[in-house]
Amino acid sequence: MAASLAVVDGVDATITSGAAFNAADQQAIRARAPLGLWPFYAPSGGAVANEVSFDASGRMTARTTIRRGSPVVLGANVLGISRYLGGG
């Protein structure tokens, strides 16, 4: 059972990787970025936009924006049913 949720409304997150990606990996990442990027995994469309870019060394910058008014669940505290109902 979900005991609690972490919900946000409006996100503009930019994550930069220190790892360098080769051309084939960059192409694969660009192709899949619209499906969602870590840590949000929200697919592009409507209220969500995922962008990815690479610098000359192959280091990635990923940006996810989620429009205000479109709450997103970032996480949940999940308990076993016994514990949720007060058991041990």
C-alpha atoms as a PDB file:
ATOM      1  CA  MET A   1       0.000   0.000   0.000  1.00  0.00           C
ATOM      2  CA  ALA A   2       1.171   3.524  -0.699  1.00  0.00           C
ATOM      3  CA  ALA A   3       1.491   5.205   2.702  1.00  0.00           C
ATOM      4  CA  SER A   4       2.584   8.575   1.317  1.00  0.00           C
ATOM      5  CA  LEU A   5       3.397  10.272  -1.978  1.00  0.00           C
ATOM      6  CA  ALA A   6       5.920  12.910  -3.060  1.00  0.00           C
ATOM      7  CA  VAL A   7       4.090  15.124  -5.555  1.00  0.00           C
ATOM      8  CA  VAL A   8       5.413  18.221  -7.335  1.00  0.00           C
ATOM      9  CA  ASP A   9       3.669  20.785  -9.463  1.00  0.00           C
ATOM     10  CA  GLY A  10       5.938  22.400 -12.005  1.00  0.00           C
ATOM     11  CA  VAL A  11       9.456  21.117 -12.619  1.00  0.00           C
ATOM     12  CA  ASP A  12      12.430  22.567 -14.478  1.00  0.00           C
ATOM     13  CA  ALA A  13      15.351  20.230 -13.901  1.00  0.00           C
ATOM     14  CA  THR A  14      18.686  20.135 -15.698  1.00  0.00           C
ATOM     15  CA  ILE A  15      21.023  17.203 -15.093  1.00  0.00           C
ATOM     16  CA  THR A  16      24.568  17.127 -16.452  1.00  0.00           C
ATOM     17  CA  SER A  17      26.547  13.917 -16.843  1.00  0.00           C
ATOM     18  CA  GLY A  18      30.293  13.722 -16.327  1.00  0.00           C
ATOM     19  CA  ALA A  19      30.434  10.599 -18.508  1.00  0.00           C
ATOM     20  CA  ALA A  20      31.264  10.900 -22.203  1.00  0.00           C
ATOM     21  CA  PHE A  21      29.007   9.127 -24.700  1.00  0.00           C
ATOM     22  CA  ASN A  22      30.136   8.003 -28.158  1.00  0.00           C
ATOM     23  CA  ALA A  23      28.191   8.940 -31.295  1.00  0.00           C
ATOM     24  CA  ALA A  24      26.120   5.731 -31.363  1.00  0.00           C
ATOM     25  CA  ASP A  25      25.101   6.122 -27.717  1.00  0.00           C
ATOM     26  CA  GLN A  26      24.247   9.787 -28.284  1.00  0.00           C
ATOM     27  CA  GLN A  27      21.987   8.843 -31.175  1.00  0.00           C
ATOM     28  CA  ALA A  28      20.234   6.183 -29.072  1.00  0.00           C
ATOM     29  CA  ILE A  29      19.764   8.599 -26.159  1.00  0.00           C
ATOM     30  CA  ARG A  30      18.375  11.332 -28.429  1.00  0.00           C
ATOM     31  CA  ALA A  31      15.940   8.846 -29.985  1.00  0.00           C
ATOM     32  CA  ARG A  32      14.652   7.691 -26.602  1.00  0.00           C
ATOM     33  CA  ALA A  33      14.682  11.008 -24.698  1.00  0.00           C
ATOM     34  CA  PRO A  34      11.031  11.771 -25.575  1.00  0.00           C
ATOM     35  CA  LEU A  35      10.051   8.622 -23.640  1.00  0.00           C
ATOM     36  CA  GLY A  36      11.383  10.195 -20.430  1.00  0.00           C
ATOM     37  CA  LEU A  37      14.689  10.888 -18.737  1.00  0.00           C
ATOM     38  CA  TRP A  38      16.061  10.024 -15.302  1.00  0.00           C
ATOM     39  CA  PRO A  39      14.930  10.801 -12.652  1.00  0.00           C
ATOM     40  CA  PHE A  40      11.397  11.626 -13.827  1.00  0.00           C
ATOM     41  CA  TYR A  41      10.693   9.153 -16.643  1.00  0.00           C
ATOM     42  CA  ALA A  42       7.766  11.295 -17.802  1.00  0.00           C
ATOM     43  CA  PRO A  43       7.172  11.034 -21.560  1.00  0.00           C
ATOM     44  CA  SER A  44       7.208  14.210 -23.652  1.00  0.00           C
ATOM     45  CA  GLY A  45       3.867  15.587 -24.741  1.00  0.00           C
ATOM     46  CA  GLY A  46       1.244  17.870 -23.301  1.00  0.00           C
ATOM     47  CA  ALA A  47       2.702  19.202 -20.054  1.00  0.00           C
ATOM     48  CA  VAL A  48       6.127  17.531 -20.307  1.00  0.00           C
ATOM     49  CA  ALA A  49       9.181  18.344 -22.427  1.00  0.00           C
ATOM     50  CA  ASN A  50      12.418  16.336 -22.423  1.00  0.00           C
ATOM     51  CA  GLU A  51      15.514  17.725 -24.111  1.00  0.00           C
ATOM     52  CA  VAL A  52      18.995  16.273 -24.365  1.00  0.00           C
ATOM     53  CA  SER A  53      22.217  17.718 -25.733  1.00  0.00           C
ATOM     54  CA  PHE A  54      25.868  16.763 -25.828  1.00  0.00           C
ATOM     55  CA  ASP A  55      28.967  18.932 -25.654  1.00  0.00           C
ATOM     56  CA  ALA A  56      32.030  18.477 -27.882  1.00  0.00           C
ATOM     57  CA  SER A  57      33.421  15.880 -25.450  1.00  0.00           C
ATOM     58  CA  GLY A  58      30.242  13.800 -25.512  1.00  0.00           C
ATOM     59  CA  ARG A  59      29.017  14.804 -22.045  1.00  0.00           C
ATOM     60  CA  MET A  60      25.244  14.909 -21.800  1.00  0.00           C
ATOM     61  CA  THR A  61      22.920  17.577 -20.469  1.00  0.00           C
ATOM     62  CA  ALA A  62      19.317  16.478 -19.975  1.00  0.00           C
ATOM     63  CA  ARG A  63      16.484  18.882 -19.216  1.00  0.00           C
ATOM     64  CA  THR A  64      12.973  17.967 -18.157  1.00  0.00           C
ATOM     65  CA  THR A  65      10.274  20.594 -17.768  1.00  0.00           C
ATOM     66  CA  ILE A  66       6.801  19.894 -16.474  1.00  0.00           C
ATOM     67  CA  ARG A  67       4.273  22.703 -16.745  1.00  0.00           C
ATOM     68  CA  ARG A  68       2.667  24.108 -13.593  1.00  0.00           C
ATOM     69  CA  GLY A  69      -0.829  22.798 -13.115  1.00  0.00           C
ATOM     70  CA  SER A  70       0.249  19.280 -14.059  1.00  0.00           C
ATOM     71  CA  PRO A  71       1.198  17.553 -10.774  1.00  0.00           C
ATOM     72  CA  VAL A  72       3.583  14.610 -11.052  1.00  0.00           C
ATOM     73  CA  VAL A  73       4.234  11.836  -8.517  1.00  0.00           C
ATOM     74  CA  LEU A  74       7.991  11.604  -7.933  1.00  0.00           C
ATOM     75  CA  GLY A  75       7.918   8.816  -5.401  1.00  0.00           C
ATOM     76  CA  ALA A  76       5.937   6.816  -2.902  1.00  0.00           C
ATOM     77  CA  ASN A  77       6.509   5.271   0.479  1.00  0.00           C
ATOM     78  CA  VAL A  78       5.222   1.730   0.021  1.00  0.00           C
ATOM     79  CA  LEU A  79       4.439  -0.571   2.928  1.00  0.00           C
ATOM     80  CA  GLY A  80       3.421  -4.201   3.050  1.00  0.00           C
ATOM     81  CA  ILE A  81      -0.275  -4.648   3.817  1.00  0.00           C
ATOM     82  CA  SER A  82       0.389  -6.034   7.295  1.00  0.00           C
ATOM     83  CA  ARG A  83       2.510  -3.043   8.294  1.00  0.00           C
ATOM     84  CA  TYR A  84       0.117  -0.620   6.622  1.00  0.00           C
ATOM     85  CA  LEU A  85      -2.710  -2.002   8.751  1.00  0.00           C
ATOM     86  CA  GLY A  86      -0.622  -1.668  11.927  1.00  0.00           C
ATOM     87  CA  GLY A  87       0.886  -5.135  12.168  1.00  0.00           C
ATOM     88  CA  GLY A  88       4.580  -5.964  12.584  1.00  0.00           C
END
